[in-house]
């Protein structure tokens, strides 16, 4: 069809790249971008090799996609996030500013 990408799902999965500016979120292990998408606007699921809609680079929809469609991967992600949080030292509160 006109205007549609003719690349099959398997082809996309093999050619997905990681996020250029990784914010440290573990969620990007399961998602990526087409090589041709230099602006990295269209996020693709590595499992389904289908596009997942996101809003202004928010990862909430990505977590929801894993939770609803890939329960095993979601559970792995939750475990990794919990482990990462226990490793990080707790940060003391910022000092109060006095006038």
N, C-alpha and C. Protein backbone atom coordinates (compact mmCIF):
# COMPACT_ATOMS: atom_id res chain seq x y z
N UNK A 1 0.84 -1.19 0.00
CA UNK A 1 0.00 0.00 0.00
C UNK A 1 0.87 1.24 0.00
N UNK A 2 0.33 2.29 -0.50
CA UNK A 2 1.08 3.52 -0.63
C UNK A 2 1.36 4.14 0.74
N UNK A 3 2.60 4.56 0.97
CA UNK A 3 2.96 5.24 2.21
C UNK A 3 3.27 4.31 3.36
N UNK A 4 3.12 2.98 3.17
CA UNK A 4 3.40 2.04 4.24
C UNK A 4 4.80 1.47 4.08
N UNK A 5 5.40 1.13 5.18
CA UNK A 5 6.72 0.53 5.17
C UNK A 5 6.56 -0.94 4.82
N UNK A 6 7.30 -1.41 3.84
CA UNK A 6 7.16 -2.79 3.38
C UNK A 6 8.06 -3.74 4.15
N UNK A 7 8.80 -3.27 5.13
CA UNK A 7 9.69 -4.12 5.91
C UNK A 7 8.87 -5.05 6.78
N UNK A 8 9.22 -6.32 6.81
CA UNK A 8 8.49 -7.27 7.64
C UNK A 8 8.92 -7.10 9.09
N UNK A 9 8.11 -7.63 10.00
CA UNK A 9 8.41 -7.55 11.41
C UNK A 9 9.76 -8.14 11.75
N UNK A 10 10.10 -9.28 11.14
CA UNK A 10 11.39 -9.91 11.44
C UNK A 10 12.54 -9.03 10.99
N UNK A 11 12.40 -8.38 9.83
CA UNK A 11 13.46 -7.51 9.34
C UNK A 11 13.67 -6.33 10.29
N UNK A 12 12.58 -5.77 10.80
CA UNK A 12 12.69 -4.63 11.70
C UNK A 12 13.41 -5.03 12.98
N UNK A 13 13.05 -6.19 13.55
CA UNK A 13 13.67 -6.65 14.79
C UNK A 13 15.17 -6.79 14.67
N UNK A 14 15.64 -7.20 13.51
CA UNK A 14 17.06 -7.37 13.31
C UNK A 14 17.78 -6.04 13.12
N UNK A 15 17.05 -4.99 12.79
CA UNK A 15 17.67 -3.72 12.46
C UNK A 15 17.30 -2.60 13.44
N UNK A 16 16.83 -2.94 14.62
CA UNK A 16 16.52 -1.92 15.61
C UNK A 16 17.79 -1.50 16.33
N UNK A 17 17.87 -0.22 16.63
CA UNK A 17 19.01 0.31 17.36
C UNK A 17 18.53 0.86 18.70
N UNK A 18 19.45 0.96 19.63
CA UNK A 18 19.14 1.48 20.96
C UNK A 18 18.96 2.98 20.93
N UNK A 19 18.38 3.49 21.99
CA UNK A 19 18.17 4.92 22.13
C UNK A 19 19.51 5.64 22.21
N UNK A 20 19.65 6.75 21.47
CA UNK A 20 20.91 7.49 21.44
C UNK A 20 21.25 8.05 22.81
N UNK A 21 20.31 8.76 23.41
CA UNK A 21 20.54 9.37 24.72
C UNK A 21 19.76 8.56 25.75
N UNK A 22 20.38 7.52 26.23
CA UNK A 22 19.71 6.64 27.18
C UNK A 22 19.61 7.33 28.53
N UNK A 23 18.40 7.42 29.05
CA UNK A 23 18.17 8.07 30.33
C UNK A 23 18.40 7.12 31.50
N UNK A 24 18.91 5.93 31.21
CA UNK A 24 19.17 4.98 32.27
C UNK A 24 18.03 4.03 32.54
N UNK A 25 16.90 4.18 31.87
CA UNK A 25 15.77 3.31 32.09
C UNK A 25 16.05 1.93 31.50
N UNK A 26 15.79 0.90 32.28
CA UNK A 26 15.98 -0.47 31.82
C UNK A 26 15.01 -0.85 30.71
N UNK A 27 13.95 -0.12 30.56
CA UNK A 27 12.90 -0.46 29.59
C UNK A 27 13.44 -0.52 28.17
N UNK A 28 14.51 0.21 27.90
CA UNK A 28 15.04 0.27 26.54
C UNK A 28 15.68 -1.04 26.09
N UNK A 29 15.84 -1.99 27.00
CA UNK A 29 16.32 -3.32 26.60
C UNK A 29 15.32 -4.02 25.68
N UNK A 30 14.04 -3.67 25.83
CA UNK A 30 12.98 -4.34 25.09
C UNK A 30 12.43 -3.50 23.94
N UNK A 31 12.97 -2.32 23.74
CA UNK A 31 12.47 -1.42 22.70
C UNK A 31 13.64 -0.80 21.95
N UNK A 32 13.37 -0.35 20.73
CA UNK A 32 14.41 0.28 19.94
C UNK A 32 13.81 1.10 18.81
N UNK A 33 14.67 1.56 17.92
CA UNK A 33 14.27 2.42 16.81
C UNK A 33 14.83 1.87 15.51
N UNK A 34 14.16 2.14 14.41
CA UNK A 34 14.70 1.78 13.11
C UNK A 34 15.98 2.58 12.89
N UNK A 35 16.91 1.99 12.18
CA UNK A 35 18.16 2.67 11.88
C UNK A 35 17.89 3.96 11.11
N UNK A 36 16.91 3.93 10.22
CA UNK A 36 16.61 5.09 9.39
C UNK A 36 15.94 6.22 10.16
N UNK A 37 15.44 5.96 11.37
CA UNK A 37 14.76 6.96 12.19
C UNK A 37 15.80 7.73 13.00
N UNK A 38 16.46 8.69 12.37
CA UNK A 38 17.54 9.43 13.02
C UNK A 38 17.04 10.28 14.18
N UNK A 39 15.81 10.75 14.12
CA UNK A 39 15.25 11.56 15.21
C UNK A 39 14.73 10.68 16.35
N UNK A 40 14.68 9.38 16.13
CA UNK A 40 14.20 8.40 17.11
C UNK A 40 12.84 8.79 17.67
N UNK A 41 11.87 8.86 16.78
CA UNK A 41 10.51 9.24 17.17
C UNK A 41 9.58 8.03 17.24
N UNK A 42 9.84 6.99 16.45
CA UNK A 42 8.96 5.82 16.39
C UNK A 42 9.60 4.66 17.13
N UNK A 43 9.03 4.30 18.28
CA UNK A 43 9.56 3.24 19.13
C UNK A 43 8.97 1.90 18.69
N UNK A 44 9.82 0.89 18.61
CA UNK A 44 9.38 -0.45 18.22
C UNK A 44 9.70 -1.44 19.33
N UNK A 45 8.76 -2.36 19.55
CA UNK A 45 8.94 -3.45 20.50
C UNK A 45 9.85 -4.48 19.86
N UNK A 46 10.88 -4.91 20.55
CA UNK A 46 11.81 -5.90 20.01
C UNK A 46 11.17 -7.29 19.96
N UNK A 47 10.18 -7.55 20.79
CA UNK A 47 9.50 -8.84 20.80
C UNK A 47 8.50 -8.96 19.65
N UNK A 48 7.63 -7.96 19.53
CA UNK A 48 6.60 -7.96 18.49
C UNK A 48 7.11 -7.39 17.18
N UNK A 49 8.17 -6.60 17.27
CA UNK A 49 8.69 -5.82 16.14
C UNK A 49 7.58 -4.97 15.52
N UNK A 50 6.76 -4.41 16.39
CA UNK A 50 5.70 -3.49 15.98
C UNK A 50 5.89 -2.19 16.74
N UNK A 51 5.38 -1.12 16.15
CA UNK A 51 5.51 0.20 16.76
C UNK A 51 4.64 0.30 18.01
N UNK A 52 5.18 0.94 19.03
CA UNK A 52 4.45 1.21 20.27
C UNK A 52 4.36 2.72 20.41
N UNK A 53 3.16 3.22 20.60
CA UNK A 53 2.97 4.66 20.72
C UNK A 53 3.47 5.17 22.06
N UNK A 54 4.20 6.26 22.02
CA UNK A 54 4.69 6.90 23.23
C UNK A 54 4.39 8.39 23.14
N UNK A 55 4.39 9.04 24.27
CA UNK A 55 4.10 10.46 24.31
C UNK A 55 5.35 11.18 24.81
N UNK A 56 5.93 11.97 23.97
CA UNK A 56 7.11 12.79 24.29
C UNK A 56 8.17 12.03 25.09
N UNK A 57 8.59 10.92 24.55
CA UNK A 57 9.65 10.05 25.09
C UNK A 57 9.37 9.53 26.51
N UNK A 58 8.11 9.45 26.86
CA UNK A 58 7.74 8.87 28.14
C UNK A 58 7.84 7.35 28.05
N UNK A 59 8.27 6.72 29.12
CA UNK A 59 8.40 5.26 29.12
C UNK A 59 7.18 4.56 29.71
N UNK A 60 6.19 5.30 30.16
CA UNK A 60 5.00 4.71 30.78
C UNK A 60 4.31 3.74 29.84
N UNK A 61 4.07 4.14 28.60
CA UNK A 61 3.42 3.25 27.65
C UNK A 61 4.26 2.01 27.36
N UNK A 62 5.57 2.17 27.42
CA UNK A 62 6.44 1.03 27.16
C UNK A 62 6.32 0.01 28.29
N UNK A 63 6.30 0.48 29.53
CA UNK A 63 6.10 -0.43 30.66
C UNK A 63 4.73 -1.10 30.56
N UNK A 64 3.71 -0.32 30.21
CA UNK A 64 2.36 -0.89 30.07
C UNK A 64 2.31 -1.93 28.96
N UNK A 65 3.01 -1.68 27.87
CA UNK A 65 3.05 -2.65 26.77
C UNK A 65 3.66 -3.96 27.25
N UNK A 66 4.78 -3.88 27.95
CA UNK A 66 5.40 -5.10 28.48
C UNK A 66 4.45 -5.83 29.42
N UNK A 67 3.83 -5.08 30.30
CA UNK A 67 2.94 -5.67 31.30
C UNK A 67 1.76 -6.40 30.64
N UNK A 68 1.21 -5.81 29.60
CA UNK A 68 0.04 -6.39 28.95
C UNK A 68 0.38 -7.48 27.94
N UNK A 69 1.48 -7.33 27.23
CA UNK A 69 1.77 -8.22 26.10
C UNK A 69 2.91 -9.20 26.34
N UNK A 70 3.80 -8.89 27.25
CA UNK A 70 4.99 -9.71 27.47
C UNK A 70 5.22 -9.87 28.97
N UNK A 71 4.39 -10.67 29.61
CA UNK A 71 4.43 -10.78 31.07
C UNK A 71 5.79 -11.24 31.60
N UNK A 72 6.42 -12.19 30.94
CA UNK A 72 7.71 -12.70 31.39
C UNK A 72 8.76 -11.58 31.36
N UNK A 73 8.79 -10.82 30.27
CA UNK A 73 9.74 -9.72 30.14
C UNK A 73 9.44 -8.62 31.15
N UNK A 74 8.15 -8.37 31.41
CA UNK A 74 7.75 -7.35 32.38
C UNK A 74 8.25 -7.74 33.78
N UNK A 75 8.06 -9.02 34.14
CA UNK A 75 8.52 -9.48 35.45
C UNK A 75 10.03 -9.34 35.58
N UNK A 76 10.75 -9.65 34.50
CA UNK A 76 12.20 -9.48 34.50
C UNK A 76 12.57 -8.02 34.68
N UNK A 77 11.85 -7.14 34.01
CA UNK A 77 12.10 -5.70 34.10
C UNK A 77 11.85 -5.20 35.52
N UNK A 78 10.78 -5.64 36.14
CA UNK A 78 10.46 -5.23 37.51
C UNK A 78 11.57 -5.69 38.47
N UNK A 79 12.04 -6.91 38.29
CA UNK A 79 13.13 -7.42 39.15
C UNK A 79 14.41 -6.61 38.97
N UNK A 80 14.73 -6.31 37.71
CA UNK A 80 15.94 -5.53 37.44
C UNK A 80 15.84 -4.12 38.02
N UNK A 81 14.65 -3.52 37.91
CA UNK A 81 14.46 -2.17 38.48
C UNK A 81 14.61 -2.20 40.00
N UNK A 82 14.03 -3.22 40.64
CA UNK A 82 14.13 -3.33 42.10
C UNK A 82 15.59 -3.52 42.52
N UNK A 83 16.31 -4.35 41.78
CA UNK A 83 17.72 -4.58 42.10
C UNK A 83 18.54 -3.31 41.91
N UNK A 84 18.25 -2.56 40.87
CA UNK A 84 18.97 -1.31 40.61
C UNK A 84 18.70 -0.29 41.70
N UNK A 85 17.50 -0.26 42.22
CA UNK A 85 17.16 0.72 43.26
C UNK A 85 17.83 0.37 44.58
N UNK A 86 18.03 -0.90 44.87
CA UNK A 86 18.66 -1.27 46.13
C UNK A 86 20.17 -1.04 46.08
N UNK A 87 20.74 -1.03 44.89
CA UNK A 87 22.18 -0.81 44.74
C UNK A 87 22.53 0.66 44.89
N UNK A 88 21.66 1.55 44.42
CA UNK A 88 21.93 2.98 44.48
C UNK A 88 21.92 3.46 45.93
N UNK A 89 22.92 4.23 46.32
CA UNK A 89 22.90 4.78 47.68
C UNK A 89 21.79 5.82 47.79
N UNK A 90 21.16 5.85 48.94
CA UNK A 90 20.10 6.83 49.11
C UNK A 90 20.71 8.22 49.17
N UNK A 91 20.06 9.15 48.52
CA UNK A 91 20.58 10.50 48.48
C UNK A 91 19.99 11.31 49.62
N UNK A 92 20.82 12.07 50.32
CA UNK A 92 20.29 12.89 51.41
C UNK A 92 19.43 14.02 50.82
N UNK A 93 18.48 14.50 51.59
CA UNK A 93 17.64 15.59 51.07
C UNK A 93 18.48 16.84 50.83
N UNK A 94 18.04 17.62 49.88
CA UNK A 94 18.74 18.86 49.56
C UNK A 94 18.66 19.81 50.76
N UNK A 95 19.72 20.57 51.02
CA UNK A 95 19.69 21.50 52.15
C UNK A 95 18.63 22.58 51.92
N UNK A 96 18.00 22.99 53.01
CA UNK A 96 16.98 24.03 52.90
C UNK A 96 17.65 25.36 52.67
N UNK A 97 17.02 26.13 51.82
CA UNK A 97 17.57 27.45 51.51
C UNK A 97 17.03 28.47 52.50
N UNK A 98 17.92 29.28 53.04
CA UNK A 98 17.50 30.30 54.00
C UNK A 98 17.62 31.67 53.34
N UNK A 99 16.75 32.55 53.71
CA UNK A 99 16.80 33.90 53.13
C UNK A 99 17.36 34.89 54.09
